[in-house]
PDB file of all heavy atoms in Angstrom:
ATOM      1  N   TRP A   1     120.853 146.427 127.737  1.00  0.00           N
ATOM      2  CA  TRP A   1     121.226 146.447 129.204  1.00  0.00           C
ATOM      3  C   TRP A   1     121.492 147.930 129.564  1.00  0.00           C
ATOM      4  O   TRP A   1     122.435 148.565 129.147  1.00  0.00           O
ATOM      5  CB  TRP A   1     122.481 145.589 129.422  1.00  0.00           C
ATOM      6  CG  TRP A   1     122.965 145.577 130.744  1.00  0.00           C
ATOM      7  CD1 TRP A   1     122.462 146.089 131.935  1.00  0.00           C
ATOM      8  CD2 TRP A   1     124.238 144.929 131.216  1.00  0.00           C
ATOM      9  NE1 TRP A   1     123.283 145.854 133.015  1.00  0.00           N
ATOM     10  CE2 TRP A   1     124.362 145.117 132.567  1.00  0.00           C
ATOM     11  CE3 TRP A   1     125.194 144.220 130.538  1.00  0.00           C
ATOM     12  CZ2 TRP A   1     125.421 144.656 133.368  1.00  0.00           C
ATOM     13  CZ3 TRP A   1     126.273 143.669 131.264  1.00  0.00           C
ATOM     14  CH2 TRP A   1     126.391 143.948 132.686  1.00  0.00           C
ATOM     15  N   ARG A   2     120.640 148.383 130.491  1.00  0.00           N
ATOM     16  CA  ARG A   2     120.754 149.761 130.934  1.00  0.00           C
ATOM     17  C   ARG A   2     121.091 149.808 132.401  1.00  0.00           C
ATOM     18  O   ARG A   2     120.364 149.211 133.290  1.00  0.00           O
ATOM     19  CB  ARG A   2     119.389 150.545 130.733  1.00  0.00           C
ATOM     20  CG  ARG A   2     119.471 152.005 130.808  1.00  0.00           C
ATOM     21  CD  ARG A   2     118.066 152.585 130.691  1.00  0.00           C
ATOM     22  NE  ARG A   2     117.390 152.185 129.476  1.00  0.00           N
ATOM     23  CZ  ARG A   2     117.456 152.778 128.314  1.00  0.00           C
ATOM     24  NH1 ARG A   2     118.293 153.857 128.180  1.00  0.00           N
ATOM     25  NH2 ARG A   2     116.778 152.294 127.250  1.00  0.00           N
ATOM     26  N   ARG A   3     122.210 150.443 132.772  1.00  0.00           N
ATOM     27  CA  ARG A   3     122.612 150.493 134.169  1.00  0.00           C
ATOM     28  C   ARG A   3     122.576 151.903 134.671  1.00  0.00           C
ATOM     29  O   ARG A   3     123.051 152.848 134.031  1.00  0.00           O
ATOM     30  CB  ARG A   3     124.039 149.939 134.310  1.00  0.00           C
ATOM     31  CG  ARG A   3     124.701 150.146 135.668  1.00  0.00           C
ATOM     32  CD  ARG A   3     125.951 149.302 135.875  1.00  0.00           C
ATOM     33  NE  ARG A   3     125.628 147.961 136.071  1.00  0.00           N
ATOM     34  CZ  ARG A   3     126.638 146.987 136.131  1.00  0.00           C
ATOM     35  NH1 ARG A   3     127.882 147.283 135.973  1.00  0.00           N
ATOM     36  NH2 ARG A   3     126.220 145.707 136.371  1.00  0.00           N
ATOM     37  N   ARG A   4     121.889 152.103 135.731  1.00  0.00           N
ATOM     38  CA  ARG A   4     121.698 153.394 136.364  1.00  0.00           C
ATOM     39  C   ARG A   4     122.306 153.389 137.778  1.00  0.00           C
ATOM     40  O   ARG A   4     122.078 152.554 138.593  1.00  0.00           O
ATOM     41  CB  ARG A   4     120.234 153.778 136.420  1.00  0.00           C
ATOM     42  CG  ARG A   4     119.566 153.950 135.099  1.00  0.00           C
ATOM     43  CD  ARG A   4     118.191 154.315 135.167  1.00  0.00           C
ATOM     44  NE  ARG A   4     117.530 154.611 133.869  1.00  0.00           N
ATOM     45  CZ  ARG A   4     116.290 154.279 133.579  1.00  0.00           C
ATOM     46  NH1 ARG A   4     115.493 153.688 134.519  1.00  0.00           N
ATOM     47  NH2 ARG A   4     115.816 154.559 132.400  1.00  0.00           N
ATOM     48  N   THR A   5     123.092 154.465 138.019  1.00  0.00           N
ATOM     49  CA  THR A   5     123.755 154.571 139.365  1.00  0.00           C
ATOM     50  C   THR A   5     122.987 155.609 140.197  1.00  0.00           C
ATOM     51  O   THR A   5     122.362 156.536 139.684  1.00  0.00           O
ATOM     52  CB  THR A   5     125.214 154.986 139.165  1.00  0.00           C
ATOM     53  OG1 THR A   5     125.296 156.237 138.523  1.00  0.00           O
ATOM     54  CG2 THR A   5     126.043 153.893 138.299  1.00  0.00           C
ATOM     55  N   GLU A   6     123.255 155.528 141.558  1.00  0.00           N
ATOM     56  CA  GLU A   6     122.590 156.416 142.477  1.00  0.00           C
ATOM     57  C   GLU A   6     123.167 157.800 142.272  1.00  0.00           C
ATOM     58  O   GLU A   6     122.452 158.800 142.401  1.00  0.00           O
ATOM     59  CB  GLU A   6     122.631 155.986 143.862  1.00  0.00           C
ATOM     60  CG  GLU A   6     121.879 154.656 144.160  1.00  0.00           C
ATOM     61  CD  GLU A   6     121.966 154.268 145.585  1.00  0.00           C
ATOM     62  OE1 GLU A   6     122.591 155.038 146.419  1.00  0.00           O
ATOM     63  OE2 GLU A   6     121.489 153.188 145.972  1.00  0.00           O
ATOM     64  N   GLN A   7     124.464 157.897 142.084  1.00  0.00           N
ATOM     65  CA  GLN A   7     125.150 159.146 141.958  1.00  0.00           C
ATOM     66  C   GLN A   7     125.939 159.100 140.611  1.00  0.00           C
ATOM     67  O   GLN A   7     126.415 158.117 140.222  1.00  0.00           O
ATOM     68  CB  GLN A   7     126.082 159.397 143.140  1.00  0.00           C
ATOM     69  CG  GLN A   7     125.347 159.473 144.480  1.00  0.00           C
ATOM     70  CD  GLN A   7     124.420 160.632 144.611  1.00  0.00           C
ATOM     71  OE1 GLN A   7     124.657 161.730 144.051  1.00  0.00           O
ATOM     72  NE2 GLN A   7     123.369 160.469 145.377  1.00  0.00           N
ATOM     73  N   PRO A   8     126.282 160.341 140.029  1.00  0.00           N
ATOM     74  CA  PRO A   8     127.098 160.313 138.907  1.00  0.00           C
ATOM     75  C   PRO A   8     128.475 159.707 139.213  1.00  0.00           C
ATOM     76  O   PRO A   8     129.035 159.975 140.259  1.00  0.00           O
ATOM     77  CB  PRO A   8     127.189 161.766 138.496  1.00  0.00           C
ATOM     78  CG  PRO A   8     125.941 162.424 139.128  1.00  0.00           C
ATOM     79  CD  PRO A   8     125.695 161.594 140.439  1.00  0.00           C
ATOM     80  N   VAL A   9     129.012 158.951 138.265  1.00  0.00           N
ATOM     81  CA  VAL A   9     130.280 158.299 138.378  1.00  0.00           C
ATOM     82  C   VAL A   9     131.117 158.583 137.099  1.00  0.00           C
ATOM     83  O   VAL A   9     130.599 158.806 136.057  1.00  0.00           O
ATOM     84  CB  VAL A   9     130.224 156.842 138.695  1.00  0.00           C
ATOM     85  CG1 VAL A   9     129.552 156.602 139.939  1.00  0.00           C
ATOM     86  CG2 VAL A   9     129.492 156.089 137.531  1.00  0.00           C
ATOM     87  N   ASP A  10     132.497 158.650 137.260  1.00  0.00           N
ATOM     88  CA  ASP A  10     133.305 158.928 136.111  1.00  0.00           C
ATOM     89  C   ASP A  10     134.015 157.643 135.567  1.00  0.00           C
ATOM     90  O   ASP A  10     134.941 157.750 134.842  1.00  0.00           O
ATOM     91  CB  ASP A  10     134.290 160.022 136.404  1.00  0.00           C
ATOM     92  CG  ASP A  10     135.237 159.663 137.555  1.00  0.00           C
ATOM     93  OD1 ASP A  10     135.159 158.476 138.017  1.00  0.00           O
ATOM     94  OD2 ASP A  10     136.038 160.524 137.937  1.00  0.00           O
ATOM     95  N   HIS A  11     133.581 156.496 136.004  1.00  0.00           N
ATOM     96  CA  HIS A  11     134.014 155.229 135.455  1.00  0.00           C
ATOM     97  C   HIS A  11     132.967 154.189 135.753  1.00  0.00           C
ATOM     98  O   HIS A  11     132.241 154.192 136.715  1.00  0.00           O
ATOM     99  CB  HIS A  11     135.393 154.825 135.968  1.00  0.00           C
ATOM    100  CG  HIS A  11     135.344 154.504 137.497  1.00  0.00           C
ATOM    101  ND1 HIS A  11     135.389 155.459 138.485  1.00  0.00           N
ATOM    102  CD2 HIS A  11     135.256 153.382 138.145  1.00  0.00           C
ATOM    103  CE1 HIS A  11     135.313 154.889 139.600  1.00  0.00           C
ATOM    104  NE2 HIS A  11     135.292 153.575 139.452  1.00  0.00           N
ATOM    105  N   MET A  12     133.001 153.136 134.886  1.00  0.00           N
ATOM    106  CA  MET A  12     132.072 152.002 135.029  1.00  0.00           C
ATOM    107  C   MET A  12     132.524 150.788 134.258  1.00  0.00           C
ATOM    108  O   MET A  12     133.125 150.978 133.206  1.00  0.00           O
ATOM    109  CB  MET A  12     130.671 152.447 134.552  1.00  0.00           C
ATOM    110  CG  MET A  12     129.626 151.329 134.621  1.00  0.00           C
ATOM    111  SD  MET A  12     129.463 150.658 136.271  1.00  0.00           S
ATOM    112  CE  MET A  12     128.791 152.034 137.193  1.00  0.00           C
ATOM    113  N   ARG A  13     132.320 149.602 134.815  1.00  0.00           N
ATOM    114  CA  ARG A  13     132.540 148.302 134.071  1.00  0.00           C
ATOM    115  C   ARG A  13     131.218 147.582 134.059  1.00  0.00           C
ATOM    116  O   ARG A  13     130.648 147.289 135.127  1.00  0.00           O
ATOM    117  CB  ARG A  13     133.678 147.513 134.759  1.00  0.00           C
ATOM    118  CG  ARG A  13     134.997 148.177 134.622  1.00  0.00           C
ATOM    119  CD  ARG A  13     136.067 147.325 135.407  1.00  0.00           C
ATOM    120  NE  ARG A  13     136.168 145.995 134.851  1.00  0.00           N
ATOM    121  CZ  ARG A  13     137.222 145.634 133.939  1.00  0.00           C
ATOM    122  NH1 ARG A  13     138.062 146.572 133.584  1.00  0.00           N
ATOM    123  NH2 ARG A  13     137.308 144.436 133.510  1.00  0.00           N
ATOM    124  N   MET A  14     130.729 147.271 132.888  1.00  0.00           N
ATOM    125  CA  MET A  14     129.568 146.388 132.727  1.00  0.00           C
ATOM    126  C   MET A  14     130.103 145.031 132.330  1.00  0.00           C
ATOM    127  O   MET A  14     130.679 144.870 131.208  1.00  0.00           O
ATOM    128  CB  MET A  14     128.573 146.965 131.728  1.00  0.00           C
ATOM    129  CG  MET A  14     128.063 148.361 132.117  1.00  0.00           C
ATOM    130  SD  MET A  14     126.995 149.191 130.902  1.00  0.00           S
ATOM    131  CE  MET A  14     125.481 148.204 131.109  1.00  0.00           C
ATOM    132  N   GLU A  15     129.902 144.090 133.231  1.00  0.00           N
ATOM    133  CA  GLU A  15     130.612 142.735 133.049  1.00  0.00           C
ATOM    134  C   GLU A  15     129.625 141.625 133.055  1.00  0.00           C
ATOM    135  O   GLU A  15     128.659 141.638 133.836  1.00  0.00           O
ATOM    136  CB  GLU A  15     131.605 142.560 134.104  1.00  0.00           C
ATOM    137  CG  GLU A  15     132.683 143.656 134.163  1.00  0.00           C
ATOM    138  CD  GLU A  15     133.595 143.499 135.373  1.00  0.00           C
ATOM    139  OE1 GLU A  15     133.094 143.167 136.442  1.00  0.00           O
ATOM    140  OE2 GLU A  15     134.799 143.852 135.210  1.00  0.00           O
ATOM    141  N   LEU A  16     129.943 140.571 132.264  1.00  0.00           N
ATOM    142  CA  LEU A  16     129.252 139.335 132.440  1.00  0.00           C
ATOM    143  C   LEU A  16     130.309 138.242 132.225  1.00  0.00           C
ATOM    144  O   LEU A  16     131.334 138.425 131.602  1.00  0.00           O
ATOM    145  CB  LEU A  16     128.063 139.112 131.463  1.00  0.00           C
ATOM    146  CG  LEU A  16     128.334 139.179 129.939  1.00  0.00           C
ATOM    147  CD1 LEU A  16     128.880 137.841 129.406  1.00  0.00           C
ATOM    148  CD2 LEU A  16     127.036 139.518 129.245  1.00  0.00           C
ATOM    149  N   VAL A  17     130.087 137.044 132.792  1.00  0.00           N
ATOM    150  CA  VAL A  17     130.973 135.928 132.694  1.00  0.00           C
ATOM    151  C   VAL A  17     130.354 134.847 131.895  1.00  0.00           C
ATOM    152  O   VAL A  17     129.278 134.345 132.230  1.00  0.00           O
ATOM    153  CB  VAL A  17     131.378 135.398 134.083  1.00  0.00           C
ATOM    154  CG1 VAL A  17     132.235 134.182 133.895  1.00  0.00           C
ATOM    155  CG2 VAL A  17     132.023 136.424 134.930  1.00  0.00           C
ATOM    156  N   PHE A  18     130.936 134.514 130.836  1.00  0.00           N
ATOM    157  CA  PHE A  18     130.561 133.338 130.033  1.00  0.00           C
ATOM    158  C   PHE A  18     130.978 132.047 130.796  1.00  0.00           C
ATOM    159  O   PHE A  18     132.145 131.893 131.116  1.00  0.00           O
ATOM    160  CB  PHE A  18     131.285 133.336 128.672  1.00  0.00           C
ATOM    161  CG  PHE A  18     130.923 132.153 127.736  1.00  0.00           C
ATOM    162  CD1 PHE A  18     129.778 132.217 126.930  1.00  0.00           C
ATOM    163  CD2 PHE A  18     131.799 131.096 127.734  1.00  0.00           C
ATOM    164  CE1 PHE A  18     129.504 131.176 126.073  1.00  0.00           C
ATOM    165  CE2 PHE A  18     131.463 130.034 126.902  1.00  0.00           C
ATOM    166  CZ  PHE A  18     130.334 130.086 126.091  1.00  0.00           C
ATOM    167  N   LEU A  19     130.005 131.296 131.093  1.00  0.00           N
ATOM    168  CA  LEU A  19     130.136 130.142 132.027  1.00  0.00           C
ATOM    169  C   LEU A  19     130.764 128.962 131.273  1.00  0.00           C
ATOM    170  O   LEU A  19     130.217 128.453 130.294  1.00  0.00           O
ATOM    171  CB  LEU A  19     128.867 129.755 132.625  1.00  0.00           C
ATOM    172  CG  LEU A  19     128.205 130.793 133.513  1.00  0.00           C
ATOM    173  CD1 LEU A  19     126.788 130.389 134.043  1.00  0.00           C
ATOM    174  CD2 LEU A  19     129.023 131.338 134.652  1.00  0.00           C
ATOM    175  N   GLY A  20     131.823 128.460 131.797  1.00  0.00           N
ATOM    176  CA  GLY A  20     132.488 127.279 131.180  1.00  0.00           C
ATOM    177  C   GLY A  20     133.599 127.703 130.277  1.00  0.00           C
ATOM    178  O   GLY A  20     133.969 128.893 130.106  1.00  0.00           O
ATOM    179  N   ILE A  21     134.175 126.740 129.612  1.00  0.00           N
ATOM    180  CA  ILE A  21     135.384 126.971 128.697  1.00  0.00           C
ATOM    181  C   ILE A  21     134.865 127.178 127.284  1.00  0.00           C
ATOM    182  O   ILE A  21     134.227 126.249 126.740  1.00  0.00           O
ATOM    183  CB  ILE A  21     136.367 125.764 128.741  1.00  0.00           C
ATOM    184  CG1 ILE A  21     136.862 125.631 130.189  1.00  0.00           C
ATOM    185  CG2 ILE A  21     137.526 126.029 127.797  1.00  0.00           C
ATOM    186  CD1 ILE A  21     137.725 124.396 130.397  1.00  0.00           C
ATOM    187  N   PRO A  22     135.175 128.304 126.653  1.00  0.00           N
ATOM    188  CA  PRO A  22     134.705 128.487 125.252  1.00  0.00           C
ATOM    189  C   PRO A  22     135.597 127.744 124.284  1.00  0.00           C
ATOM    190  O   PRO A  22     136.746 127.492 124.546  1.00  0.00           O
ATOM    191  CB  PRO A  22     134.863 130.036 125.069  1.00  0.00           C
ATOM    192  CG  PRO A  22     135.916 130.412 126.049  1.00  0.00           C
ATOM    193  CD  PRO A  22     135.807 129.466 127.217  1.00  0.00           C
ATOM    194  N   ASP A  23     135.005 127.315 123.222  1.00  0.00           N
ATOM    195  CA  ASP A  23     135.763 126.682 122.114  1.00  0.00           C
ATOM    196  C   ASP A  23     136.389 127.745 121.196  1.00  0.00           C
ATOM    197  O   ASP A  23     137.376 127.415 120.517  1.00  0.00           O
ATOM    198  CB  ASP A  23     134.827 125.848 121.266  1.00  0.00           C
ATOM    199  CG  ASP A  23     134.190 124.735 122.002  1.00  0.00           C
ATOM    200  OD1 ASP A  23     134.818 124.139 122.932  1.00  0.00           O
ATOM    201  OD2 ASP A  23     132.973 124.423 121.823  1.00  0.00           O
ATOM    202  N   PHE A  24     135.835 128.952 121.156  1.00  0.00           N
ATOM    203  CA  PHE A  24     136.231 129.982 120.310  1.00  0.00           C
ATOM    204  C   PHE A  24     135.947 131.370 120.922  1.00  0.00           C
ATOM    205  O   PHE A  24     134.816 131.542 121.470  1.00  0.00           O
ATOM    206  CB  PHE A  24     135.650 129.903 118.894  1.00  0.00           C
ATOM    207  CG  PHE A  24     136.008 131.003 118.023  1.00  0.00           C
ATOM    208  CD1 PHE A  24     137.218 131.007 117.362  1.00  0.00           C
ATOM    209  CD2 PHE A  24     135.147 132.040 117.749  1.00  0.00           C
ATOM    210  CE1 PHE A  24     137.594 132.101 116.539  1.00  0.00           C
ATOM    211  CE2 PHE A  24     135.423 133.040 116.885  1.00  0.00           C
ATOM    212  CZ  PHE A  24     136.649 133.057 116.274  1.00  0.00           C
ATOM    213  N   THR A  25     136.845 132.317 120.904  1.00  0.00           N
ATOM    214  CA  THR A  25     136.573 133.617 121.380  1.00  0.00           C
ATOM    215  C   THR A  25     137.008 134.629 120.292  1.00  0.00           C
ATOM    216  O   THR A  25     137.829 134.353 119.421  1.00  0.00           O
ATOM    217  CB  THR A  25     137.388 133.981 122.689  1.00  0.00           C
ATOM    218  OG1 THR A  25     138.760 133.869 122.356  1.00  0.00           O
ATOM    219  CG2 THR A  25     136.996 133.044 123.768  1.00  0.00           C
ATOM    220  N   MET A  26     136.393 135.818 120.357  1.00  0.00           N
ATOM    221  CA  MET A  26     136.698 136.864 119.340  1.00  0.00           C
ATOM    222  C   MET A  26     136.452 138.236 119.869  1.00  0.00           C
ATOM    223  O   MET A  26     135.491 138.452 120.600  1.00  0.00           O
ATOM    224  CB  MET A  26     135.797 136.576 118.157  1.00  0.00           C
ATOM    225  CG  MET A  26     135.906 137.698 116.974  1.00  0.00           C
ATOM    226  SD  MET A  26     134.856 137.240 115.611  1.00  0.00           S
ATOM    227  CE  MET A  26     133.262 137.707 116.242  1.00  0.00           C
ATOM    228  N   ILE A  27     137.364 139.172 119.479  1.00  0.00           N
ATOM    229  CA  ILE A  27     137.083 140.628 119.630  1.00  0.00           C
ATOM    230  C   ILE A  27     137.237 141.066 118.214  1.00  0.00           C
ATOM    231  O   ILE A  27     138.321 141.160 117.642  1.00  0.00           O
ATOM    232  CB  ILE A  27     138.108 141.329 120.568  1.00  0.00           C
ATOM    233  CG1 ILE A  27     138.104 140.663 121.936  1.00  0.00           C
ATOM    234  CG2 ILE A  27     137.784 142.742 120.680  1.00  0.00           C
ATOM    235  CD1 ILE A  27     139.143 141.184 122.891  1.00  0.00           C
ATOM    236  N   PRO A  28     136.127 141.343 117.526  1.00  0.00           N
ATOM    237  CA  PRO A  28     136.193 141.582 116.079  1.00  0.00           C
ATOM    238  C   PRO A  28     137.183 142.642 115.664  1.00  0.00           C
ATOM    239  O   PRO A  28     137.240 143.758 116.217  1.00  0.00           O
ATOM    240  CB  PRO A  28     134.746 142.063 115.781  1.00  0.00           C
ATOM    241  CG  PRO A  28     133.874 141.491 116.867  1.00  0.00           C
ATOM    242  CD  PRO A  28     134.745 141.514 118.082  1.00  0.00           C
ATOM    243  N   GLY A  29     138.032 142.292 114.751  1.00  0.00           N
ATOM    244  CA  GLY A  29     139.055 143.178 114.231  1.00  0.00           C
ATOM    245  C   GLY A  29     140.297 143.194 115.076  1.00  0.00           C
ATOM    246  O   GLY A  29     141.276 143.880 114.608  1.00  0.00           O
ATOM    247  N   ILE A  30     140.321 142.503 116.200  1.00  0.00           N
ATOM    248  CA  ILE A  30     141.518 142.549 117.123  1.00  0.00           C
ATOM    249  C   ILE A  30     141.994 141.160 117.436  1.00  0.00           C
ATOM    250  O   ILE A  30     143.262 140.900 117.295  1.00  0.00           O
ATOM    251  CB  ILE A  30     141.121 143.266 118.455  1.00  0.00           C
ATOM    252  CG1 ILE A  30     140.659 144.745 118.110  1.00  0.00           C
ATOM    253  CG2 ILE A  30     142.225 143.281 119.396  1.00  0.00           C
ATOM    254  CD1 ILE A  30     140.172 145.478 119.346  1.00  0.00           C
ATOM    255  N   SER A  31     141.213 140.283 117.980  1.00  0.00           N
ATOM    256  CA  SER A  31     141.650 138.985 118.426  1.00  0.00           C
ATOM    257  C   SER A  31     140.742 137.901 117.961  1.00  0.00           C
ATOM    258  O   SER A  31     139.562 138.007 118.147  1.00  0.00           O
ATOM    259  CB  SER A  31     141.722 138.965 119.975  1.00  0.00           C
ATOM    260  OG  SER A  31     142.116 137.719 120.477  1.00  0.00           O
ATOM    261  N   TYR A  32     141.277 136.819 117.435  1.00  0.00           N
ATOM    262  CA  TYR A  32     140.540 135.637 117.026  1.00  0.00           C
ATOM    263  C   TYR A  32     141.193 134.455 117.719  1.00  0.00           C
ATOM    264  O   TYR A  32     142.236 133.971 117.287  1.00  0.00           O
ATOM    265  CB  TYR A  32     140.557 135.549 115.508  1.00  0.00           C
ATOM    266  CG  TYR A  32     139.830 136.693 114.901  1.00  0.00           C
ATOM    267  CD1 TYR A  32     140.529 137.883 114.579  1.00  0.00           C
ATOM    268  CD2 TYR A  32     138.494 136.652 114.504  1.00  0.00           C
ATOM    269  CE1 TYR A  32     139.920 138.994 114.062  1.00  0.00           C
ATOM    270  CE2 TYR A  32     137.833 137.753 114.056  1.00  0.00           C
ATOM    271  CZ  TYR A  32     138.576 138.964 113.754  1.00  0.00           C
ATOM    272  OH  TYR A  32     137.962 139.994 113.224  1.00  0.00           O
ATOM    273  N   ASN A  33     140.496 134.022 118.756  1.00  0.00           N
ATOM    274  CA  ASN A  33     140.959 132.895 119.626  1.00  0.00           C
ATOM    275  C   ASN A  33     142.379 133.203 120.110  1.00  0.00           C
ATOM    276  O   ASN A  33     143.220 132.239 120.326  1.00  0.00           O
ATOM    277  CB  ASN A  33     140.974 131.576 118.779  1.00  0.00           C
ATOM    278  CG  ASN A  33     140.199 130.531 119.476  1.00  0.00           C
ATOM    279  OD1 ASN A  33     139.447 130.751 120.401  1.00  0.00           O
ATOM    280  ND2 ASN A  33     140.464 129.248 119.098  1.00  0.00           N
ATOM    281  N   GLY A  34     142.699 134.477 120.314  1.00  0.00           N
ATOM    282  CA  GLY A  34     143.920 134.768 121.063  1.00  0.00           C
ATOM    283  C   GLY A  34     145.134 135.135 120.134  1.00  0.00           C
ATOM    284  O   GLY A  34     146.217 135.298 120.576  1.00  0.00           O
TER     285      GLY A  34
END
């Protein structure tokens, strides 16, 4: 996923929403289902 802006910016958030309720979530090495 490549995002290009019209002008240089000093912050950005690339976001997507997983639709529905997950059965399991993970941030590897940090959080396992909360």
